[in-house]
Protein backbone atom coordinates (compact mmCIF):
# COMPACT_ATOMS: atom_id res chain seq x y z
CA MET A 1 0.63 -20.32 -19.77
CA PRO A 2 -1.03 -20.57 -16.33
CA HIS A 3 -3.59 -17.86 -15.57
CA PRO A 4 -1.56 -16.01 -12.83
CA ASP A 5 1.52 -15.99 -15.09
CA ARG A 6 -0.53 -14.63 -17.99
CA LEU A 7 -1.91 -11.80 -15.84
CA THR A 8 1.64 -10.87 -14.84
CA ALA A 9 2.72 -11.03 -18.49
CA ILE A 10 -0.14 -8.72 -19.53
CA VAL A 11 0.86 -6.14 -16.90
CA GLU A 12 4.48 -6.34 -18.01
CA GLU A 13 3.49 -5.90 -21.67
CA LEU A 14 1.42 -2.83 -20.82
CA ARG A 15 4.20 -1.41 -18.65
CA ARG A 16 6.71 -1.77 -21.50
CA ALA A 17 4.28 -0.22 -24.00
CA GLY A 18 3.92 2.93 -21.90
CA SER A 19 1.43 5.53 -23.12
CA ALA A 20 1.18 3.83 -26.53
CA GLY A 21 -0.61 0.89 -24.93
CA ARG A 22 -1.45 -2.42 -26.55
CA THR A 23 -4.54 -3.65 -28.34
CA ALA A 24 -6.29 -6.82 -27.17
CA ALA A 25 -5.34 -8.42 -30.49
CA SER A 26 -1.64 -7.66 -30.08
CA LEU A 27 -1.66 -8.98 -26.51
CA ALA A 28 -3.45 -12.12 -27.68
CA ALA A 29 -0.85 -12.68 -30.42
CA ARG A 30 2.07 -12.14 -28.04
CA LEU A 31 0.67 -14.52 -25.40
CA ASP A 32 -0.79 -17.04 -27.84
CA VAL A 33 -4.37 -16.90 -26.53
CA SER A 34 -7.68 -15.64 -27.88
CA VAL A 35 -8.76 -11.99 -27.83
CA ARG A 36 -11.71 -13.06 -25.68
CA THR A 37 -9.31 -14.53 -23.10
CA ILE A 38 -7.27 -11.31 -23.05
CA ARG A 39 -10.37 -9.18 -22.49
CA ARG A 40 -11.46 -11.47 -19.67
CA ASP A 41 -8.00 -11.19 -18.11
CA LEU A 42 -8.03 -7.40 -18.41
CA LEU A 43 -11.35 -7.29 -16.57
CA ALA A 44 -9.86 -9.52 -13.86
CA LEU A 45 -6.91 -7.14 -13.50
CA GLN A 46 -9.23 -4.14 -13.22
CA ASP A 47 -11.34 -5.95 -10.61
CA ALA A 48 -8.15 -6.63 -8.65
CA GLY A 49 -7.35 -2.91 -8.59
CA VAL A 50 -4.69 -2.78 -11.30
CA PRO A 51 -5.12 0.62 -13.05
CA VAL A 52 -5.71 -0.58 -16.60
CA GLY A 53 -7.53 1.94 -18.78
CA GLY A 54 -8.87 2.03 -22.31
CA ILE A 55 -7.52 4.14 -25.17
CA SER A 56 -10.10 5.98 -27.23
CA GLY A 57 -9.77 6.64 -30.94
CA PRO A 58 -8.90 4.52 -33.98
CA GLY A 59 -7.63 1.08 -33.02
CA GLY A 60 -8.35 1.56 -29.31
CA GLY A 61 -6.31 -0.49 -26.90
CA TYR A 62 -5.35 -0.65 -23.26
CA VAL A 63 -2.82 1.25 -21.20
CA LEU A 64 -1.38 0.95 -17.69
CA ALA A 65 -1.47 4.11 -15.60
CA GLN A 66 1.94 5.74 -15.33
CA HIS A 67 3.94 4.70 -12.24
CA ALA A 68 1.30 2.08 -11.43
CA MET A 69 3.84 -0.72 -11.11
CA LEU A 70 7.47 -0.70 -10.08
CA PRO A 71 10.05 -2.31 -12.39
CA PRO A 72 11.15 -5.85 -11.48
CA VAL A 73 13.53 -6.14 -8.53
CA ALA A 74 15.96 -9.03 -8.12
CA LEU A 75 15.90 -10.42 -4.57
CA THR A 76 17.92 -13.24 -3.12
CA GLN A 77 15.95 -16.00 -1.41
CA GLY A 78 17.15 -14.64 1.94
CA GLN A 79 15.96 -11.11 1.14
CA ALA A 80 12.58 -12.36 -0.06
CA SER A 81 12.21 -14.47 3.08
CA ALA A 82 13.11 -11.54 5.34
CA ALA A 83 10.59 -9.27 3.61
CA ALA A 84 7.87 -11.94 3.72
CA VAL A 85 8.37 -12.61 7.44
CA SER A 86 8.22 -8.86 8.18
CA LEU A 87 5.00 -8.48 6.18
CA ALA A 88 3.46 -11.50 7.89
CA ALA A 89 4.28 -10.04 11.31
CA ALA A 90 2.78 -6.64 10.38
CA ALA A 91 -0.71 -7.97 9.81
CA THR A 92 -2.51 -5.28 11.80
CA GLY A 93 -2.87 -1.52 11.54
CA PRO A 94 -2.77 0.75 8.47
CA LEU A 95 -1.68 -0.37 4.99
CA THR A 96 -2.34 -4.04 5.79
CA ARG A 97 -4.25 -4.69 2.55
CA ASP A 98 -1.28 -3.70 0.37
CA GLY A 99 1.06 -5.51 2.74
CA ALA A 100 -0.96 -8.71 2.44
CA ALA A 101 -0.97 -8.41 -1.37
CA ALA A 102 2.81 -7.92 -1.39
CA LEU A 103 3.21 -10.96 0.86
CA GLU A 104 1.17 -13.09 -1.52
CA LYS A 105 3.34 -12.00 -4.46
CA LEU A 106 6.51 -12.87 -2.58
CA LEU A 107 5.17 -16.28 -1.58
CA ASP A 108 4.07 -16.98 -5.16
CA ILE A 109 7.64 -16.67 -6.49
CA MET A 110 9.22 -18.74 -3.73
CA PRO A 111 9.89 -22.46 -4.08
CA PRO A 112 7.95 -24.64 -1.59
CA PRO A 113 10.90 -25.11 0.82
CA GLU A 114 11.27 -21.32 1.14
CA GLN A 115 7.51 -20.92 1.67
CA ARG A 116 7.65 -23.42 4.52
CA GLN A 117 10.63 -21.60 6.04
CA VAL A 118 8.77 -18.27 5.94
CA ALA A 119 5.71 -19.84 7.60
CA GLN A 120 7.92 -21.35 10.30
CA LEU A 121 9.78 -18.09 11.01
CA ALA A 122 6.57 -16.04 11.03
CA SER A 123 4.98 -18.47 13.52
CA ARG A 124 7.83 -17.77 15.95
CA GLY A 125 6.82 -14.13 16.31
CA TRP A 126 4.09 -13.13 18.76
CA ALA A 127 1.73 -10.28 18.03
CA GLY A 128 -1.50 -9.16 19.61
CA PRO A 129 -4.79 -9.34 17.70
CA PRO A 130 -5.94 -6.27 15.76
CA VAL A 131 -7.66 -3.67 17.89
CA VAL A 132 -10.43 -3.40 15.29
CA ALA A 133 -11.29 -5.35 12.17
CA ARG A 134 -10.22 -3.85 8.87
CA THR A 135 -12.92 -1.72 7.29
CA ALA A 136 -13.47 0.35 4.16
CA ARG A 137 -12.71 3.38 6.35
CA ALA A 138 -9.07 2.29 6.57
CA THR A 139 -8.76 2.13 2.78
CA THR A 140 -10.27 5.63 2.45
CA ILE A 141 -7.80 7.08 4.95
CA GLU A 142 -4.82 5.40 3.30
CA GLU A 143 -5.80 6.57 -0.19
CA ALA A 144 -6.28 10.16 1.03
CA LEU A 145 -2.91 10.03 2.78
CA ARG A 146 -1.19 8.87 -0.43
CA ALA A 147 -2.98 11.33 -2.70
CA GLY A 148 -2.86 14.32 -0.33
CA ARG A 149 -6.62 14.82 -0.05
CA VAL A 150 -8.75 16.30 2.74
CA LEU A 151 -10.79 13.83 4.79
CA ALA A 152 -14.09 14.38 6.59
CA ILE A 153 -14.08 12.12 9.65
CA ASP A 154 -16.46 11.21 12.46
CA TYR A 155 -14.39 10.97 15.63
CA GLN A 156 -14.89 10.18 19.30
CA ASP A 157 -12.24 11.44 21.73
CA ALA A 158 -11.07 9.83 24.96
CA ALA A 159 -13.77 11.65 26.97
CA GLY A 160 -16.51 10.25 24.71
CA SER A 161 -17.24 13.51 22.92
CA ARG A 162 -18.14 12.89 19.27
CA THR A 163 -17.65 15.21 16.28
CA LEU A 164 -19.09 14.58 12.83
CA GLY A 165 -17.60 15.53 9.46
CA ARG A 166 -14.43 16.98 10.94
CA ARG A 167 -12.21 18.17 8.06
CA VAL A 168 -8.59 17.08 8.36
CA GLU A 169 -5.50 16.88 6.18
CA PRO A 170 -3.82 13.48 6.77
CA HIS A 171 -0.03 13.67 7.03
CA LEU A 172 1.52 10.90 9.14
CA LEU A 173 0.85 7.55 10.81
CA ALA A 174 2.20 6.68 14.26
CA PHE A 175 2.18 3.61 16.47
CA THR A 176 2.64 4.14 20.19
CA GLY A 177 1.20 2.74 23.39
CA GLY A 178 -0.26 -0.23 21.53
CA ASN A 179 -2.38 1.94 19.22
CA TRP A 180 -2.19 3.39 15.71
CA TYR A 181 -2.79 7.11 15.20
CA LEU A 182 -3.50 9.36 12.24
CA LEU A 183 -1.58 12.62 12.55
CA ALA A 184 -3.43 15.35 10.69
CA TRP A 185 -3.90 19.07 10.39
CA CYS A 186 -7.43 19.84 11.55
CA LEU A 187 -8.94 22.50 9.31
CA ASP A 188 -11.84 23.04 11.72
CA ARG A 189 -9.51 23.68 14.69
CA SER A 190 -6.64 25.21 12.68
CA GLY A 191 -3.98 23.04 14.24
CA PRO A 192 -2.24 19.66 14.35
CA ARG A 193 -4.06 16.77 16.00
CA TRP A 194 -3.52 13.08 16.79
CA PHE A 195 -6.54 10.88 15.98
CA ARG A 196 -6.56 7.37 17.38
CA TRP A 197 -7.21 4.97 14.51
CA ASP A 198 -9.93 2.90 16.22
CA ARG A 199 -11.87 6.00 17.30
CA ILE A 200 -12.41 7.15 13.71
CA SER A 201 -15.84 5.67 12.97
CA ARG A 202 -16.27 7.13 9.48
CA ALA A 203 -14.02 8.70 6.85
CA VAL A 204 -14.93 10.33 3.54
CA ASN A 205 -12.42 11.45 0.94
CA THR A 206 -13.64 14.93 -0.03
CA GLY A 207 -11.39 15.10 -3.10
CA GLN A 208 -10.16 18.53 -1.96
CA PRO A 209 -6.35 18.83 -2.24
CA ALA A 210 -4.61 19.20 1.10
CA ASP A 211 -2.18 22.07 1.61
CA ASP A 212 1.47 21.17 1.07
CA ARG A 213 2.58 21.38 4.71
CA ASP A 214 5.78 19.91 6.10
CA PRO A 215 4.51 17.27 8.55
CA PHE A 216 7.83 17.10 10.37
CA ALA A 217 7.62 20.82 11.07
CA ILE A 218 4.00 20.58 12.23
CA PHE A 219 4.59 17.57 14.50
CA THR A 220 7.99 18.60 15.74
CA ALA A 221 8.67 16.24 18.65
CA PRO A 222 7.31 12.70 18.78
CA PRO A 223 6.31 11.33 22.19
CA PRO A 224 8.81 9.23 24.18
CA GLY A 225 9.48 5.85 22.61
CA VAL A 226 8.39 6.92 19.11
CA ARG A 227 10.84 7.57 16.31
CA ARG A 228 10.60 8.50 12.67
CA VAL A 229 10.74 5.48 10.35
CA ARG A 230 13.77 5.71 8.10
CA ARG A 231 15.39 3.46 5.54
CA ALA A 232 17.90 1.27 7.36
CA PRO A 233 21.53 1.62 6.21
CA ALA A 234 22.93 -1.26 4.21
CA PRO A 235 25.19 -3.59 6.23
CA ASP A 236 28.93 -3.28 5.68
CA PRO A 237 30.14 -6.18 3.47
CA ARG A 238 32.98 -6.81 5.95
CA GLY A 239 30.43 -7.58 8.66
CA GLU A 240 30.97 -4.28 10.51
CA PRO A 241 28.05 -1.99 11.46
CA ALA A 242 27.30 0.67 8.86
CA ARG A 243 28.20 4.18 9.97
CA PRO A 244 27.11 7.57 8.65
CA SER A 245 29.58 9.02 6.20
């Protein structure tokens, strides 16, 4: 079994095992490789960010963190191509690391003709270069946004005034006027604020849980030209536009 396929098989085995986990020996027997190879693969998965943990106690073993991976989804070639082109076009701004990883997974499962089609379609879209290069700061902000944790940020406003260690609760992301923004509740100013992404020079995840605020109540009206991102309705099978029921 090729190495990438074996890594995928290990993750799937651990996902199916749930909290019971699997020992290295059982994984080796199932995949017909040595225990040493399995342990090396598990280290590679951990290095890649897959949340594989060890089980203490008699027998030991390995377990995949709950909800770490979504179950398999069946996509048509057209759906996979559409998703891949969209991910390729969205190569700047927040969440680009996960987007790039998802794009690689989609390309890996596509036959070569489909890969070439995706590359051709993506090349027909024009996008400006990133305002700033991706940094570890972006990953910190994204993780705090997902986990609902307070950030301490260093920020410079439009007038050039700089504040250090400003404590904020991240709630939303917005793109307007050619720039990305972090929408957060500022604990130091006791109010909602927009922070331009490229003016945040440093971000530290404090680990402190953020209050459970309703972001759409805090930031009631988006600026002109900005709308809330929603799941698009499925097209009508008869070819007619989908309408609210």
